Amino acid sequence: MDTIILTGGRGRRLGALTTHHPKANLRFAGKSLLAHALSALRGSENLIERICIATGYQAEKVSAQYRRDAGQISSEIPVTWLPVESEPSGTFGSAVWALHTARATRCCLILGIDAIVTRRAIVEFIASIRNEKRTTFMVSPMLAIAPTHGRIRLNGSGEIAEYRKSSFCTDQTPQDDWYCDVGVRYFSADFVKECLSLSLTGACDFDDIMPSMVGKEQIFESHILKERWLHFANSMDFLQEPL
């Protein structure tokens, strides 16, 4: 499969931290967020054929950071830099744009830059995919970790029964059957094809489009992340304990 890492967002919630630096370059526990994302893929070399990095805001600084981090992120997986996205189009819009520019035709792992998970979590996520023809979301019962991410309700079979926009969900306490979208997603080849057929206008995040997609003919699976993970949406998040 391919992997796409989305680094092009402006990171407005981070305020002054991203005025002069892209979010992917911000450092936590001695490494940039980009280095953390790439490091999590080490150990999956036999499953991932190439990594595509999608850039937008301050793209030249992201590529420069990658070169500086080379010693920390060495991997056997080839890395491809996609053309710079000129206008921000939201997390889902950027994923679709990246699929287009990468000329994707097969299943694909989509990673956001605002979450850190362990290598073990990535390996277990890929191994958990029960049906390669079904798109799968990594979800977590720890709702408070990412208050800006969409909320997902599962049915008894582990399929996604409902997806809610994060702004509609003010309660951050754990709730039965409700989970947080971590930001690690497996797109089946069929879903990649469907995404490439969409005509999007304006910025579109995952929690803008997923509520209308869930419940249609396509079934979305889930993988529950049972370990701690990190999310970065404001400056205080950089004070968290490392994994």
Protein backbone atom coordinates (compact mmCIF):
# COMPACT_ATOMS: atom_id res chain seq x y z
CA MET A 1 0.00 0.00 0.00
CA ASP A 2 0.93 3.67 -0.22
CA THR A 3 1.05 6.07 2.72
CA ILE A 4 0.20 9.76 2.52
CA ILE A 5 1.23 12.15 5.31
CA LEU A 6 -0.76 15.39 5.32
CA THR A 7 1.43 18.33 6.40
CA GLY A 8 -0.10 21.23 4.50
CA GLY A 9 -2.47 22.70 7.10
CA ARG A 10 -1.99 26.19 8.48
CA GLY A 11 -2.36 25.09 12.12
CA ARG A 12 -4.28 28.22 13.11
CA ARG A 13 -5.27 26.80 16.52
CA LEU A 14 -1.58 26.83 17.45
CA GLY A 15 -1.48 30.61 17.16
CA ALA A 16 1.96 32.19 17.17
CA LEU A 17 3.69 28.80 17.05
CA THR A 18 2.86 28.46 13.34
CA THR A 19 3.32 32.09 12.30
CA HIS A 20 6.87 31.45 11.12
CA HIS A 21 6.99 27.64 11.18
CA PRO A 22 4.72 24.99 9.64
CA LYS A 23 3.06 22.62 12.06
CA ALA A 24 5.08 19.66 10.78
CA ASN A 25 8.31 21.37 11.92
CA LEU A 26 7.25 22.00 15.52
CA ARG A 27 9.33 19.95 17.90
CA PHE A 28 8.20 17.62 20.65
CA ALA A 29 10.44 15.34 22.73
CA GLY A 30 13.45 16.20 20.60
CA LYS A 31 11.89 15.54 17.19
CA SER A 32 9.70 17.39 14.73
CA LEU A 33 6.09 16.23 14.31
CA LEU A 34 7.05 15.12 10.80
CA ALA A 35 9.87 12.97 12.21
CA HIS A 36 7.44 11.41 14.70
CA ALA A 37 5.04 10.50 11.88
CA LEU A 38 7.78 8.97 9.76
CA SER A 39 9.31 7.15 12.72
CA ALA A 40 5.96 5.48 13.44
CA LEU A 41 6.12 3.84 10.00
CA ARG A 42 9.43 2.12 10.67
CA GLY A 43 8.76 -1.57 11.09
CA SER A 44 6.13 -1.55 8.34
CA GLU A 45 8.58 -1.66 5.43
CA ASN A 46 7.16 -4.98 4.23
CA LEU A 47 3.66 -3.49 4.05
CA ILE A 48 4.21 0.07 2.75
CA GLU A 49 5.67 0.54 -0.72
CA ARG A 50 6.07 4.31 -0.71
CA ILE A 51 5.46 7.35 1.49
CA CYS A 52 4.01 10.47 -0.13
CA ILE A 53 4.35 13.74 1.78
CA ALA A 54 1.67 16.33 0.94
CA THR A 55 2.66 19.93 1.66
CA GLY A 56 1.06 23.34 1.49
CA TYR A 57 1.75 26.06 4.05
CA GLN A 58 5.49 26.90 4.12
CA ALA A 59 6.24 23.77 2.10
CA GLU A 60 9.90 24.64 1.57
CA LYS A 61 10.47 24.65 5.34
CA VAL A 62 8.88 21.21 5.68
CA SER A 63 11.24 19.71 3.08
CA ALA A 64 14.21 21.44 4.73
CA GLN A 65 13.18 19.98 8.10
CA TYR A 66 12.99 16.53 6.53
CA ARG A 67 16.59 16.86 5.36
CA ARG A 68 17.69 17.96 8.84
CA ASP A 69 15.85 15.03 10.42
CA ALA A 70 17.32 12.45 8.04
CA GLY A 71 19.35 10.74 10.74
CA GLN A 72 16.30 10.23 12.95
CA ILE A 73 13.93 8.95 10.29
CA SER A 74 16.02 6.66 8.11
CA SER A 75 13.82 4.03 6.52
CA GLU A 76 13.86 1.62 3.61
CA ILE A 77 10.52 3.00 2.38
CA PRO A 78 10.94 5.39 -0.59
CA VAL A 79 9.67 8.94 0.06
CA THR A 80 7.94 11.00 -2.64
CA TRP A 81 7.28 14.73 -2.26
CA LEU A 82 3.99 15.71 -3.87
CA PRO A 83 3.53 19.07 -5.63
CA VAL A 84 2.65 21.89 -3.23
CA GLU A 85 -1.07 22.42 -2.63
CA SER A 86 -1.58 26.11 -3.38
CA GLU A 87 -4.80 26.65 -1.40
CA PRO A 88 -5.77 24.96 1.90
CA SER A 89 -8.65 22.56 1.36
CA GLY A 90 -9.20 20.96 4.77
CA THR A 91 -8.05 17.55 5.98
CA PHE A 92 -10.31 15.51 3.70
CA GLY A 93 -9.87 17.88 0.77
CA SER A 94 -6.10 17.67 1.13
CA ALA A 95 -6.29 13.87 1.27
CA VAL A 96 -8.28 13.80 -1.98
CA TRP A 97 -5.90 16.29 -3.60
CA ALA A 98 -2.94 14.16 -2.51
CA LEU A 99 -4.53 11.02 -3.95
CA HIS A 100 -4.93 12.85 -7.26
CA THR A 101 -1.37 14.15 -7.39
CA ALA A 102 0.09 10.82 -6.23
CA ARG A 103 -1.93 9.10 -8.97
CA ALA A 104 -3.10 6.63 -6.36
CA THR A 105 -4.87 3.51 -7.61
CA ARG A 106 -4.45 1.13 -4.67
CA CYS A 107 -5.21 1.05 -0.98
CA CYS A 108 -3.61 3.84 1.02
CA LEU A 109 -2.78 4.75 4.61
CA ILE A 110 -3.63 8.40 5.38
CA LEU A 111 -1.90 10.08 8.36
CA GLY A 112 -2.47 13.50 9.85
CA ILE A 113 0.46 15.43 11.27
CA ASP A 114 -1.28 16.48 14.51
CA ALA A 115 -1.30 13.04 16.18
CA ILE A 116 1.52 10.84 17.47
CA VAL A 117 1.03 7.09 17.80
CA THR A 118 3.63 4.39 18.37
CA ARG A 119 5.15 2.08 15.77
CA ARG A 120 3.38 -0.79 17.49
CA ALA A 121 0.04 1.01 17.03
CA ILE A 122 0.64 1.39 13.27
CA VAL A 123 1.67 -2.25 12.84
CA GLU A 124 -1.34 -3.46 14.83
CA PHE A 125 -3.66 -1.16 12.90
CA ILE A 126 -2.54 -2.51 9.54
CA ALA A 127 -2.71 -6.09 10.83
CA SER A 128 -6.25 -5.48 12.16
CA ILE A 129 -7.75 -4.71 8.75
CA ARG A 130 -10.26 -7.54 8.43
CA ASN A 131 -11.37 -6.77 4.91
CA GLU A 132 -8.99 -4.94 2.58
CA LYS A 133 -12.01 -3.72 0.61
CA ARG A 134 -13.36 -1.76 3.57
CA THR A 135 -12.00 1.60 4.69
CA THR A 136 -10.91 1.48 8.34
CA PHE A 137 -10.46 4.25 10.93
CA MET A 138 -8.23 4.09 14.00
CA VAL A 139 -10.39 5.21 16.93
CA SER A 140 -9.76 5.86 20.61
CA PRO A 141 -12.03 5.90 23.68
CA MET A 142 -9.92 8.78 25.06
CA LEU A 143 -12.17 11.59 23.79
CA ALA A 144 -10.46 14.40 25.70
CA ILE A 145 -7.13 13.87 23.91
CA ALA A 146 -8.41 15.40 20.66
CA PRO A 147 -11.45 17.65 21.24
CA THR A 148 -11.21 18.91 17.64
CA HIS A 149 -11.43 15.46 16.02
CA GLY A 150 -14.67 13.84 14.89
CA ARG A 151 -16.65 11.52 17.15
CA ILE A 152 -17.48 7.99 16.04
CA ARG A 153 -20.14 5.60 17.34
CA LEU A 154 -19.59 1.90 16.69
CA ASN A 155 -22.12 -0.87 16.37
CA GLY A 156 -21.73 -4.32 17.91
CA SER A 157 -19.69 -5.53 14.92
CA GLY A 158 -17.11 -2.77 15.20
CA GLU A 159 -18.44 -0.97 12.15
CA ILE A 160 -18.90 2.80 12.19
CA ALA A 161 -22.60 3.48 12.80
CA GLU A 162 -22.40 7.26 13.17
CA TYR A 163 -19.86 10.02 12.72
CA ARG A 164 -20.39 13.43 14.34
CA LYS A 165 -18.63 16.72 13.79
CA SER A 166 -16.41 17.53 16.77
CA SER A 167 -18.00 20.95 17.32
CA PHE A 168 -21.33 19.22 18.04
CA CYS A 169 -19.79 17.14 20.85
CA THR A 170 -18.99 19.13 23.98
CA ASP A 171 -18.82 16.20 26.40
CA GLN A 172 -15.23 14.91 26.56
CA THR A 173 -15.83 12.16 29.14
CA PRO A 174 -15.66 8.51 27.98
CA GLN A 175 -19.01 7.26 26.68
CA ASP A 176 -20.15 3.76 25.75
CA ASP A 177 -19.85 3.09 22.00
CA TRP A 178 -18.39 6.56 21.26
CA TYR A 179 -14.81 7.06 20.16
CA CYS A 180 -12.49 9.74 18.80
CA ASP A 181 -11.14 9.70 15.24
CA VAL A 182 -7.38 9.45 15.89
CA GLY A 183 -6.39 10.60 12.39
CA VAL A 184 -4.92 7.34 11.12
CA ARG A 185 -7.06 5.94 8.31
CA TYR A 186 -6.86 3.07 5.83
CA PHE A 187 -8.50 3.86 2.50
CA SER A 188 -9.46 0.78 0.49
CA ALA A 189 -8.76 0.83 -3.24
CA ASP A 190 -12.51 1.21 -3.87
CA PHE A 191 -12.72 4.18 -1.50
CA VAL A 192 -9.68 5.77 -3.14
CA LYS A 193 -11.52 5.47 -6.46
CA GLU A 194 -14.65 7.01 -4.93
CA CYS A 195 -12.65 9.91 -3.46
CA LEU A 196 -11.05 10.62 -6.82
CA SER A 197 -14.51 10.91 -8.36
CA LEU A 198 -15.68 13.57 -5.89
CA SER A 199 -16.01 17.21 -6.85
CA LEU A 200 -15.19 19.25 -3.75
CA THR A 201 -15.58 23.01 -3.39
CA GLY A 202 -13.93 24.97 -0.60
CA ALA A 203 -12.27 23.51 2.48
CA CYS A 204 -13.57 20.12 3.60
CA ASP A 205 -12.44 18.33 6.77
CA PHE A 206 -13.09 14.69 7.57
CA ASP A 207 -15.80 15.61 10.05
CA ASP A 208 -17.50 17.72 7.37
CA ILE A 209 -17.99 14.83 4.93
CA MET A 210 -17.95 11.63 6.98
CA PRO A 211 -21.35 12.18 8.67
CA SER A 212 -23.01 12.01 5.24
CA MET A 213 -20.91 9.06 4.04
CA VAL A 214 -21.58 6.79 7.00
CA GLY A 215 -24.78 4.82 6.57
CA LYS A 216 -24.63 4.64 2.81
CA GLU A 217 -23.84 1.47 0.89
CA GLN A 218 -20.15 1.49 1.87
CA ILE A 219 -19.26 0.02 5.26
CA PHE A 220 -16.53 1.66 7.38
CA GLU A 221 -14.63 -0.48 9.84
CA SER A 222 -12.80 0.55 13.01
CA HIS A 223 -9.71 -0.42 14.95
CA ILE A 224 -9.74 0.60 18.61
CA LEU A 225 -6.43 2.02 19.83
CA LYS A 226 -6.06 0.78 23.39
CA GLU A 227 -2.85 2.60 24.26
CA ARG A 228 -1.99 6.22 24.94
CA TRP A 229 -1.53 8.60 22.01
CA LEU A 230 -0.93 12.33 21.64
CA HIS A 231 -2.70 15.14 19.81
CA PHE A 232 -1.44 18.67 19.12
CA ALA A 233 -4.03 21.42 18.68
CA ASN A 234 -2.75 24.18 21.01
CA SER A 235 0.49 25.29 22.61
CA MET A 236 -0.24 23.51 25.90
CA ASP A 237 -0.26 20.15 24.12
CA PHE A 238 3.52 20.44 23.70
CA LEU A 239 3.87 20.12 27.48
CA GLN A 240 2.52 16.56 27.49
CA GLU A 241 4.58 13.61 28.65
CA PRO A 242 6.13 11.76 25.68
CA LEU A 243 4.89 8.29 24.80
